[in-house]
Structure formats: structure tokens, C-alpha cells
Amino acid sequence: METKKEIEIFEGDRATRYDNYIKDFFPDYNLIMEIVPKIVSGQFSDKKSLNILVVGCGTGNETKRLLDFNKNWHIDACDPSKEMID
């Protein structure tokens, strides 16, 4: 039998400090954020535009990096935390 898992919502200070916190928690964060758009682009190099769904977009920092890499990509993003999106 499968157990029910709770979704952890980023709220309050955790939400407002996320962009700085993640860099301390994950030292290679900036490097990964540089590489991910290149990997996506390489996997779909035959496409002029992409439709991408980002689930758990948080503050949108990662989503923005994807858009900055290629303005022809269309990205829909969602997050369960209103505070993260704000």
C-alpha cells in the first residue's frame, strides 16, 4: 500500500530567501543553471521553438534562465506556493 506524502510548501522567510539560500545549499547551482538550457537545446536541436512545462517553478529564476537562453521557447510554469511566485 502506498503512503500519502505531504507537499512541502515554501512560505514566509523560506520563500523570500530562496534565491540566495539555494546557492548556499547547492554550491554548483549557477553552473547547473548555465548547463540546463544547453542540454535542453541540444536534445531538441531540430526544433525552432519548444513548449516547456515547469512544475514547481518557485521564484521563476530557473524559468527565466531558460527564456534568456532562447526567446522562442514558450514556458508555462506553476508552483503550489503563492509566496514563491510573488
N, C-alpha and C. Protein backbone atom coordinates (compact mmCIF):
# COMPACT_ATOMS: atom_id res chain seq x y z
N MET A 1 0.84 -1.18 0.00
CA MET A 1 0.00 0.00 0.00
C MET A 1 0.88 1.24 0.00
N GLU A 2 0.51 2.17 -0.82
CA GLU A 2 1.27 3.41 -0.95
C GLU A 2 0.87 4.38 0.16
N THR A 3 1.87 5.03 0.77
CA THR A 3 1.58 6.02 1.81
C THR A 3 1.43 7.39 1.19
N LYS A 4 0.58 8.18 1.79
CA LYS A 4 0.34 9.54 1.31
C LYS A 4 1.49 10.44 1.76
N LYS A 5 2.01 11.23 0.84
CA LYS A 5 3.10 12.14 1.15
C LYS A 5 2.59 13.57 1.10
N GLU A 6 3.07 14.38 2.00
CA GLU A 6 2.68 15.79 2.01
C GLU A 6 3.59 16.60 1.09
N ILE A 7 3.01 17.60 0.49
CA ILE A 7 3.79 18.53 -0.33
C ILE A 7 4.33 19.61 0.59
N GLU A 8 5.63 19.84 0.51
CA GLU A 8 6.25 20.87 1.33
C GLU A 8 6.14 22.21 0.61
N ILE A 9 5.42 23.15 1.20
CA ILE A 9 5.20 24.46 0.61
C ILE A 9 6.24 25.44 1.14
N PHE A 10 6.85 26.18 0.25
CA PHE A 10 7.80 27.21 0.65
C PHE A 10 7.02 28.48 0.93
N GLU A 11 7.03 28.90 2.20
CA GLU A 11 6.31 30.10 2.62
C GLU A 11 7.19 30.96 3.51
N GLY A 12 6.74 32.19 3.74
CA GLY A 12 7.43 33.10 4.66
C GLY A 12 8.87 33.35 4.26
N ASP A 13 9.76 33.35 5.25
CA ASP A 13 11.18 33.61 5.01
C ASP A 13 11.79 32.60 4.04
N ARG A 14 11.31 31.39 4.11
CA ARG A 14 11.84 30.35 3.23
C ARG A 14 11.60 30.72 1.77
N ALA A 15 10.47 31.31 1.48
CA ALA A 15 10.15 31.73 0.11
C ALA A 15 10.95 32.96 -0.29
N THR A 16 10.98 33.96 0.59
CA THR A 16 11.64 35.22 0.22
C THR A 16 13.16 35.09 0.14
N ARG A 17 13.71 34.12 0.82
CA ARG A 17 15.16 33.94 0.81
C ARG A 17 15.65 32.84 -0.12
N TYR A 18 14.74 32.22 -0.83
CA TYR A 18 15.08 31.04 -1.64
C TYR A 18 16.23 31.29 -2.61
N ASP A 19 16.17 32.35 -3.38
CA ASP A 19 17.19 32.58 -4.42
C ASP A 19 18.60 32.67 -3.84
N ASN A 20 18.74 33.20 -2.64
CA ASN A 20 20.06 33.24 -2.00
C ASN A 20 20.37 31.92 -1.30
N TYR A 21 19.38 31.35 -0.66
CA TYR A 21 19.55 30.10 0.09
C TYR A 21 20.01 28.96 -0.81
N ILE A 22 19.41 28.84 -1.98
CA ILE A 22 19.72 27.72 -2.86
C ILE A 22 21.18 27.73 -3.28
N LYS A 23 21.77 28.89 -3.44
CA LYS A 23 23.18 29.00 -3.83
C LYS A 23 24.11 28.53 -2.72
N ASP A 24 23.70 28.75 -1.46
CA ASP A 24 24.49 28.26 -0.32
C ASP A 24 24.30 26.76 -0.13
N PHE A 25 23.07 26.30 -0.30
CA PHE A 25 22.74 24.90 -0.11
C PHE A 25 23.34 24.03 -1.21
N PHE A 26 23.36 24.55 -2.42
CA PHE A 26 23.81 23.81 -3.59
C PHE A 26 24.89 24.65 -4.30
N PRO A 27 26.16 24.49 -3.89
CA PRO A 27 27.24 25.36 -4.40
C PRO A 27 27.37 25.41 -5.92
N ASP A 28 27.02 24.36 -6.63
CA ASP A 28 27.15 24.34 -8.09
C ASP A 28 25.88 24.81 -8.80
N TYR A 29 24.99 25.46 -8.08
CA TYR A 29 23.71 25.89 -8.63
C TYR A 29 23.87 26.74 -9.90
N ASN A 30 24.73 27.75 -9.86
CA ASN A 30 24.90 28.62 -11.03
C ASN A 30 25.44 27.85 -12.23
N LEU A 31 26.34 26.92 -11.98
CA LEU A 31 26.88 26.11 -13.07
C LEU A 31 25.78 25.25 -13.69
N ILE A 32 24.98 24.62 -12.86
CA ILE A 32 23.87 23.79 -13.36
C ILE A 32 22.89 24.65 -14.15
N MET A 33 22.60 25.86 -13.66
CA MET A 33 21.66 26.73 -14.36
C MET A 33 22.21 27.22 -15.69
N GLU A 34 23.52 27.21 -15.86
CA GLU A 34 24.12 27.52 -17.16
C GLU A 34 24.02 26.33 -18.11
N ILE A 35 24.15 25.14 -17.56
CA ILE A 35 24.20 23.93 -18.37
C ILE A 35 22.81 23.47 -18.82
N VAL A 36 21.81 23.57 -17.95
CA VAL A 36 20.48 23.03 -18.25
C VAL A 36 19.90 23.57 -19.57
N PRO A 37 19.91 24.87 -19.82
CA PRO A 37 19.37 25.34 -21.11
C PRO A 37 20.13 24.76 -22.31
N LYS A 38 21.42 24.57 -22.18
CA LYS A 38 22.22 24.00 -23.26
C LYS A 38 21.85 22.54 -23.50
N ILE A 39 21.60 21.81 -22.42
CA ILE A 39 21.18 20.41 -22.56
C ILE A 39 19.82 20.33 -23.24
N VAL A 40 18.88 21.16 -22.78
CA VAL A 40 17.54 21.17 -23.39
C VAL A 40 17.66 21.51 -24.87
N SER A 41 18.44 22.53 -25.18
CA SER A 41 18.62 22.95 -26.57
C SER A 41 19.22 21.83 -27.41
N GLY A 42 20.21 21.14 -26.86
CA GLY A 42 20.85 20.05 -27.58
C GLY A 42 19.92 18.87 -27.83
N GLN A 43 19.07 18.57 -26.86
CA GLN A 43 18.13 17.46 -27.01
C GLN A 43 17.06 17.74 -28.05
N PHE A 44 16.76 19.02 -28.27
CA PHE A 44 15.71 19.41 -29.21
C PHE A 44 16.25 20.34 -30.29
N SER A 45 17.46 20.06 -30.74
CA SER A 45 18.13 20.94 -31.70
C SER A 45 17.41 21.04 -33.03
N ASP A 46 16.53 20.08 -33.32
CA ASP A 46 15.79 20.11 -34.58
C ASP A 46 14.54 20.97 -34.50
N LYS A 47 14.26 21.55 -33.32
CA LYS A 47 13.06 22.37 -33.12
C LYS A 47 13.44 23.85 -33.06
N LYS A 48 12.67 24.68 -33.74
CA LYS A 48 12.89 26.13 -33.67
C LYS A 48 12.31 26.70 -32.39
N SER A 49 11.21 26.10 -31.93
CA SER A 49 10.61 26.56 -30.68
C SER A 49 10.19 25.34 -29.87
N LEU A 50 10.07 25.53 -28.58
CA LEU A 50 9.66 24.47 -27.67
C LEU A 50 8.53 24.96 -26.79
N ASN A 51 7.67 24.05 -26.38
CA ASN A 51 6.69 24.31 -25.33
C ASN A 51 7.17 23.53 -24.11
N ILE A 52 7.45 24.24 -23.04
CA ILE A 52 8.02 23.64 -21.83
C ILE A 52 7.08 23.89 -20.66
N LEU A 53 6.86 22.86 -19.86
CA LEU A 53 6.08 22.99 -18.63
C LEU A 53 7.03 22.82 -17.46
N VAL A 54 7.07 23.83 -16.59
CA VAL A 54 7.89 23.78 -15.39
C VAL A 54 6.96 23.66 -14.20
N VAL A 55 6.99 22.51 -13.54
CA VAL A 55 6.15 22.28 -12.37
C VAL A 55 7.03 22.46 -11.14
N GLY A 56 6.60 23.35 -10.26
CA GLY A 56 7.42 23.69 -9.10
C GLY A 56 8.43 24.76 -9.48
N CYS A 57 7.96 25.81 -10.15
CA CYS A 57 8.86 26.84 -10.68
C CYS A 57 9.46 27.75 -9.62
N GLY A 58 8.89 27.71 -8.41
CA GLY A 58 9.44 28.55 -7.34
C GLY A 58 9.40 30.02 -7.70
N THR A 59 10.52 30.67 -7.56
CA THR A 59 10.60 32.11 -7.83
C THR A 59 10.68 32.42 -9.32
N GLY A 60 10.86 31.40 -10.13
CA GLY A 60 10.97 31.61 -11.57
C GLY A 60 12.38 31.85 -12.05
N ASN A 61 13.33 31.79 -11.14
CA ASN A 61 14.73 32.05 -11.51
C ASN A 61 15.21 31.08 -12.60
N GLU A 62 14.93 29.80 -12.42
CA GLU A 62 15.36 28.81 -13.41
C GLU A 62 14.60 29.01 -14.73
N THR A 63 13.31 29.31 -14.63
CA THR A 63 12.49 29.54 -15.82
C THR A 63 13.01 30.74 -16.60
N LYS A 64 13.37 31.79 -15.90
CA LYS A 64 13.91 32.99 -16.55
C LYS A 64 15.20 32.66 -17.30
N ARG A 65 16.02 31.82 -16.73
CA ARG A 65 17.27 31.45 -17.41
C ARG A 65 16.99 30.69 -18.71
N LEU A 66 15.96 29.85 -18.69
CA LEU A 66 15.59 29.15 -19.92
C LEU A 66 15.15 30.15 -20.99
N LEU A 67 14.31 31.11 -20.59
CA LEU A 67 13.83 32.12 -21.54
C LEU A 67 14.95 33.03 -22.03
N ASP A 68 15.87 33.37 -21.15
CA ASP A 68 17.00 34.20 -21.55
C ASP A 68 17.87 33.48 -22.58
N PHE A 69 17.93 32.16 -22.47
CA PHE A 69 18.73 31.37 -23.40
C PHE A 69 18.11 31.32 -24.78
N ASN A 70 16.77 31.19 -24.82
CA ASN A 70 16.09 31.10 -26.12
C ASN A 70 14.71 31.74 -26.03
N LYS A 71 14.58 32.89 -26.64
CA LYS A 71 13.32 33.65 -26.61
C LYS A 71 12.19 32.96 -27.38
N ASN A 72 12.50 31.96 -28.20
CA ASN A 72 11.47 31.25 -28.96
C ASN A 72 10.82 30.12 -28.16
N TRP A 73 11.33 29.82 -26.98
CA TRP A 73 10.72 28.79 -26.15
C TRP A 73 9.50 29.38 -25.45
N HIS A 74 8.43 28.63 -25.42
CA HIS A 74 7.23 29.04 -24.68
C HIS A 74 7.19 28.21 -23.41
N ILE A 75 7.14 28.90 -22.26
CA ILE A 75 7.19 28.20 -20.98
C ILE A 75 5.95 28.51 -20.16
N ASP A 76 5.27 27.46 -19.72
CA ASP A 76 4.21 27.56 -18.73
C ASP A 76 4.80 27.05 -17.44
N ALA A 77 4.55 27.79 -16.36
CA ALA A 77 5.13 27.41 -15.08
C ALA A 77 4.10 27.54 -13.97
N CYS A 78 4.21 26.66 -12.97
CA CYS A 78 3.31 26.72 -11.83
C CYS A 78 4.05 26.30 -10.57
N ASP A 79 3.52 26.72 -9.45
CA ASP A 79 4.10 26.37 -8.15
C ASP A 79 2.97 26.37 -7.12
N PRO A 80 2.99 25.45 -6.15
CA PRO A 80 1.93 25.43 -5.16
C PRO A 80 2.02 26.57 -4.14
N SER A 81 3.15 27.28 -4.12
CA SER A 81 3.34 28.36 -3.16
C SER A 81 3.16 29.72 -3.81
N LYS A 82 2.10 30.40 -3.44
CA LYS A 82 1.86 31.76 -3.95
C LYS A 82 3.02 32.68 -3.57
N GLU A 83 3.57 32.50 -2.38
CA GLU A 83 4.68 33.35 -1.92
C GLU A 83 5.92 33.18 -2.79
N MET A 84 6.18 31.98 -3.26
CA MET A 84 7.33 31.77 -4.13
C MET A 84 7.10 32.49 -5.45
N ILE A 85 5.92 32.40 -5.99
CA ILE A 85 5.61 33.06 -7.27
C ILE A 85 5.66 34.58 -7.12
N ASP A 86 5.16 35.08 -6.00
CA ASP A 86 5.20 36.53 -5.76
C ASP A 86 6.63 37.03 -5.72
